[in-house]
């Protein structure tokens, strides 16, 4: 789906929540709001090399949206203290990379967040990333102030594609799942949102549209996005 909405519609919004089918919008972070994928890949590549393993881009993409601790346990077959040590190492590699290559937001992501804040909506961030990484990158782009609630991978028992993280976000917002809309970029994230009984919009970039067919709606960009138009599309 291409975005052909007129910028003039962005200032038109309802007065009350009852006029919108959703009361909360829950965003994934990596690849959905921020261009962190390459930095994350480079950090994981070094971690895998430390364990005598090669990690190609093709091998990396299925890991997107999965908690780092689970990747370490399931892919590197480490456990106990080695998991914690590897998590610290991965974070250090990530920090070293973004110190030279600062994180940037997806194009027009901030404009869309500002648009949503004109409505009586609650916004949550639900990321599989650990809290330290989330705070680091979100502070780097100054996006934290847009969100009413934050959920990170450490706060749930089961990571994506299980629904736990989005259910947790809805509870933090004080909303039932069916009143929340999820915006994701990865296959595992879309599966997680649908398992949580939520409508899901997927944005391409990290993955092509063909890999995101489980989403209720697929978009290519945040440019000129209008939540009223999106709700109309989702209702079709």
Protein backbone atom coordinates (compact mmCIF):
# COMPACT_ATOMS: atom_id res chain seq x y z
CA UNK A 1 0.00 0.00 0.00
CA UNK A 2 1.42 3.36 -1.02
CA UNK A 3 0.63 6.42 1.04
CA UNK A 4 -1.29 8.92 -1.06
CA UNK A 5 -2.87 10.92 1.72
CA UNK A 6 -2.98 14.68 1.43
CA UNK A 7 -0.93 16.56 4.05
CA UNK A 8 -3.99 18.77 4.51
CA UNK A 9 -5.80 15.91 6.25
CA UNK A 10 -3.24 15.76 9.02
CA UNK A 11 -4.85 18.63 10.93
CA UNK A 12 -8.31 17.08 10.84
CA UNK A 13 -8.96 14.93 13.88
CA UNK A 14 -11.88 13.86 16.05
CA UNK A 15 -12.65 15.46 19.37
CA UNK A 16 -13.18 12.27 21.40
CA UNK A 17 -11.87 8.72 21.59
CA UNK A 18 -15.28 7.36 20.67
CA UNK A 19 -14.78 8.57 17.10
CA UNK A 20 -11.75 6.29 16.61
CA UNK A 21 -11.84 2.46 16.62
CA UNK A 22 -8.57 2.38 18.60
CA UNK A 23 -7.61 4.03 21.87
CA UNK A 24 -3.99 2.92 21.89
CA UNK A 25 -1.19 2.62 19.34
CA UNK A 26 1.67 0.25 20.17
CA UNK A 27 4.93 0.61 18.26
CA UNK A 28 7.76 -1.83 17.86
CA UNK A 29 11.12 -0.02 17.87
CA UNK A 30 13.90 -1.60 15.81
CA UNK A 31 13.14 -1.27 12.12
CA UNK A 32 9.71 0.22 12.84
CA UNK A 33 10.72 3.58 14.28
CA UNK A 34 14.52 3.48 14.21
CA UNK A 35 17.08 2.36 11.66
CA UNK A 36 18.93 0.07 14.05
CA UNK A 37 19.08 -3.08 11.93
CA UNK A 38 22.59 -2.63 10.55
CA UNK A 39 24.02 -1.69 13.95
CA UNK A 40 22.32 -4.69 15.52
CA UNK A 41 23.58 -7.00 12.78
CA UNK A 42 27.16 -5.79 13.13
CA UNK A 43 27.03 -6.35 16.90
CA UNK A 44 25.61 -9.85 16.50
CA UNK A 45 28.13 -10.65 13.77
CA UNK A 46 30.99 -9.92 16.19
CA UNK A 47 29.31 -11.98 18.93
CA UNK A 48 28.91 -14.95 16.59
CA UNK A 49 32.53 -14.61 15.42
CA UNK A 50 33.67 -14.72 19.05
CA UNK A 51 31.97 -18.13 19.25
CA UNK A 52 33.55 -19.33 16.02
CA UNK A 53 30.34 -18.86 14.03
CA UNK A 54 29.62 -16.92 10.85
CA UNK A 55 26.45 -14.81 10.69
CA UNK A 56 25.28 -13.70 7.26
CA UNK A 57 22.53 -11.17 6.65
CA UNK A 58 20.32 -14.04 5.50
CA UNK A 59 20.87 -15.87 8.78
CA UNK A 60 20.33 -12.70 10.80
CA UNK A 61 16.93 -11.61 9.45
CA UNK A 62 14.94 -14.53 10.99
CA UNK A 63 16.30 -13.43 14.38
CA UNK A 64 14.70 -9.98 14.18
CA UNK A 65 12.16 -9.43 16.94
CA UNK A 66 13.51 -12.29 19.05
CA UNK A 67 14.96 -11.46 22.45
CA UNK A 68 18.76 -11.40 22.60
CA UNK A 69 18.86 -13.89 25.47
CA UNK A 70 16.88 -16.39 23.40
CA UNK A 71 19.20 -15.93 20.41
CA UNK A 72 22.18 -16.61 22.66
CA UNK A 73 20.59 -19.71 24.16
CA UNK A 74 19.07 -21.16 20.99
CA UNK A 75 21.62 -20.17 18.34
CA UNK A 76 24.89 -20.05 20.27
CA UNK A 77 23.85 -22.79 22.72
CA UNK A 78 25.11 -20.88 25.75
CA UNK A 79 23.54 -20.88 29.18
CA UNK A 80 24.00 -19.65 32.75
CA UNK A 81 26.51 -16.85 33.33
CA UNK A 82 27.64 -17.10 29.71
CA UNK A 83 24.30 -15.66 28.58
CA UNK A 84 24.70 -12.59 30.80
CA UNK A 85 28.31 -12.10 29.74
CA UNK A 86 27.36 -12.37 26.07
CA UNK A 87 24.52 -9.89 26.51
CA UNK A 88 26.98 -7.36 27.95
CA UNK A 89 29.41 -8.03 25.12
CA UNK A 90 26.74 -7.59 22.47
CA UNK A 91 25.66 -4.30 24.05
CA UNK A 92 29.27 -3.08 24.06
CA UNK A 93 29.70 -3.94 20.39
CA UNK A 94 26.42 -2.15 19.60
CA UNK A 95 27.50 0.97 21.50
CA UNK A 96 30.84 1.02 19.71
CA UNK A 97 29.11 0.87 16.34
CA UNK A 98 26.54 3.61 16.97
CA UNK A 99 29.20 5.89 18.46
CA UNK A 100 30.62 6.07 14.93
CA UNK A 101 27.33 5.54 13.06
CA UNK A 102 24.57 7.34 15.04
CA UNK A 103 21.09 5.85 14.98
CA UNK A 104 18.55 7.64 12.81
CA UNK A 105 14.74 7.37 12.76
CA UNK A 106 12.83 6.04 9.79
CA UNK A 107 11.87 8.78 7.38
CA UNK A 108 8.78 10.71 8.55
CA UNK A 109 8.47 8.57 11.70
CA UNK A 110 8.59 11.62 13.97
CA UNK A 111 6.05 13.45 11.85
CA UNK A 112 3.66 10.51 12.27
CA UNK A 113 4.22 10.44 16.03
CA UNK A 114 3.47 14.17 16.21
CA UNK A 115 0.33 13.57 14.15
CA UNK A 116 -0.86 10.86 16.55
CA UNK A 117 -0.29 13.10 19.56
CA UNK A 118 -2.96 15.45 18.18
CA UNK A 119 -5.51 12.75 18.93
CA UNK A 120 -6.80 11.49 22.29
CA UNK A 121 -4.70 8.34 21.88
CA UNK A 122 -2.30 6.55 24.22
CA UNK A 123 1.03 5.50 22.73
CA UNK A 124 3.22 2.62 23.90
CA UNK A 125 6.58 1.28 22.81
CA UNK A 126 6.91 -2.52 22.94
CA UNK A 127 10.37 -3.73 21.96
CA UNK A 128 12.14 -7.06 22.32
CA UNK A 129 15.30 -5.08 22.97
CA UNK A 130 16.65 -4.83 26.48
CA UNK A 131 15.94 -1.69 28.51
CA UNK A 132 19.52 -0.41 28.32
CA UNK A 133 19.55 -0.55 24.52
CA UNK A 134 16.04 0.92 24.24
CA UNK A 135 16.94 3.91 26.40
CA UNK A 136 20.23 4.43 24.58
CA UNK A 137 18.77 4.62 21.08
CA UNK A 138 15.50 6.35 21.97
CA UNK A 139 17.36 9.06 23.84
CA UNK A 140 19.73 9.43 20.90
CA UNK A 141 16.80 10.38 18.64
CA UNK A 142 14.80 12.07 21.47
CA UNK A 143 11.64 9.99 20.99
CA UNK A 144 10.88 8.87 24.55
CA UNK A 145 8.61 11.84 25.31
CA UNK A 146 6.09 10.67 22.69
CA UNK A 147 5.22 7.50 24.64
CA UNK A 148 2.91 7.01 27.60
CA UNK A 149 4.24 3.52 28.39
CA UNK A 150 7.34 1.45 27.60
CA UNK A 151 7.77 -2.34 27.58
CA UNK A 152 11.08 -4.13 26.95
CA UNK A 153 12.04 -7.74 26.47
CA UNK A 154 13.03 -8.33 30.09
CA UNK A 155 9.48 -7.63 31.27
CA UNK A 156 7.81 -10.67 29.68
CA UNK A 157 8.24 -14.41 30.05
CA UNK A 158 7.99 -15.18 26.34
CA UNK A 159 9.35 -13.06 23.50
CA UNK A 160 7.88 -12.54 20.04
CA UNK A 161 6.19 -14.30 18.26
CA UNK A 162 4.39 -14.99 21.55
CA UNK A 163 1.81 -12.27 22.32
CA UNK A 164 3.15 -11.43 25.80
CA UNK A 165 4.84 -8.12 25.02
CA UNK A 166 1.82 -6.56 23.31
CA UNK A 167 -0.58 -7.84 25.97
CA UNK A 168 1.73 -6.28 28.59
CA UNK A 169 1.73 -2.99 26.69
CA UNK A 170 -2.08 -2.94 26.50
CA UNK A 171 -2.31 -3.60 30.25
CA UNK A 172 0.10 -0.75 30.94
CA UNK A 173 -2.07 1.52 28.80
CA UNK A 174 -5.16 0.32 30.69
CA UNK A 175 -6.79 -0.91 27.49
CA UNK A 176 -8.18 -4.22 26.22
CA UNK A 177 -6.17 -5.74 23.33
CA UNK A 178 -8.92 -5.17 20.76
CA UNK A 179 -8.68 -1.41 21.35
CA UNK A 180 -4.98 -1.36 20.46
CA UNK A 181 -3.33 -1.08 17.05
CA UNK A 182 0.20 -2.41 16.58
CA UNK A 183 2.76 -1.06 14.12
CA UNK A 184 5.53 -3.55 13.29
CA UNK A 185 8.17 -4.27 10.68
CA UNK A 186 9.03 -7.94 11.21
CA UNK A 187 7.32 -11.27 10.64
CA UNK A 188 7.70 -12.35 14.26
CA UNK A 189 6.29 -9.04 15.45
CA UNK A 190 3.25 -9.31 13.22
CA UNK A 191 2.60 -12.85 14.48
CA UNK A 192 2.91 -11.58 18.05
CA UNK A 193 0.40 -8.77 17.47
CA UNK A 194 -2.13 -11.07 15.83
CA UNK A 195 -1.73 -13.63 18.63
CA UNK A 196 -2.55 -10.78 21.04
CA UNK A 197 -5.84 -10.22 19.17
CA UNK A 198 -4.74 -6.84 17.86
CA UNK A 199 -4.93 -5.24 14.45
CA UNK A 200 -1.47 -4.82 12.96
CA UNK A 201 0.03 -2.49 10.38
CA UNK A 202 3.39 -3.57 8.96
CA UNK A 203 5.85 -1.13 7.44
CA UNK A 204 8.25 -2.40 4.80
CA UNK A 205 11.95 -1.68 4.81
CA UNK A 206 13.44 -4.40 6.96
CA UNK A 207 11.31 -6.97 5.15
CA UNK A 208 9.46 -6.85 1.82
CA UNK A 209 5.67 -6.77 1.74
CA UNK A 210 5.57 -10.43 0.69
CA UNK A 211 7.03 -11.41 4.06
CA UNK A 212 4.42 -9.40 6.00
CA UNK A 213 1.21 -10.84 4.60
CA UNK A 214 -0.17 -11.72 8.04
CA UNK A 215 -0.51 -8.01 8.81
CA UNK A 216 -3.92 -6.37 8.37
CA UNK A 217 -2.35 -3.59 6.33
CA UNK A 218 1.11 -3.07 4.80
CA UNK A 219 2.53 0.41 4.22
CA UNK A 220 5.74 1.59 2.59
CA UNK A 221 6.37 4.85 4.43
CA UNK A 222 5.11 7.12 7.19
CA UNK A 223 4.98 10.08 4.82
CA UNK A 224 1.63 11.88 5.05
CA UNK A 225 0.06 9.06 7.08
CA UNK A 226 -3.35 9.94 8.52
CA UNK A 227 -4.71 7.77 11.33
CA UNK A 228 -8.29 8.35 10.18
CA UNK A 229 -7.44 7.09 6.70
CA UNK A 230 -5.59 4.12 8.18
CA UNK A 231 -8.60 3.21 10.30
CA UNK A 232 -10.78 3.39 7.20
CA UNK A 233 -8.42 1.04 5.37
CA UNK A 234 -8.40 -1.40 8.28
CA UNK A 235 -12.19 -1.42 8.37
CA UNK A 236 -12.51 -2.60 4.76
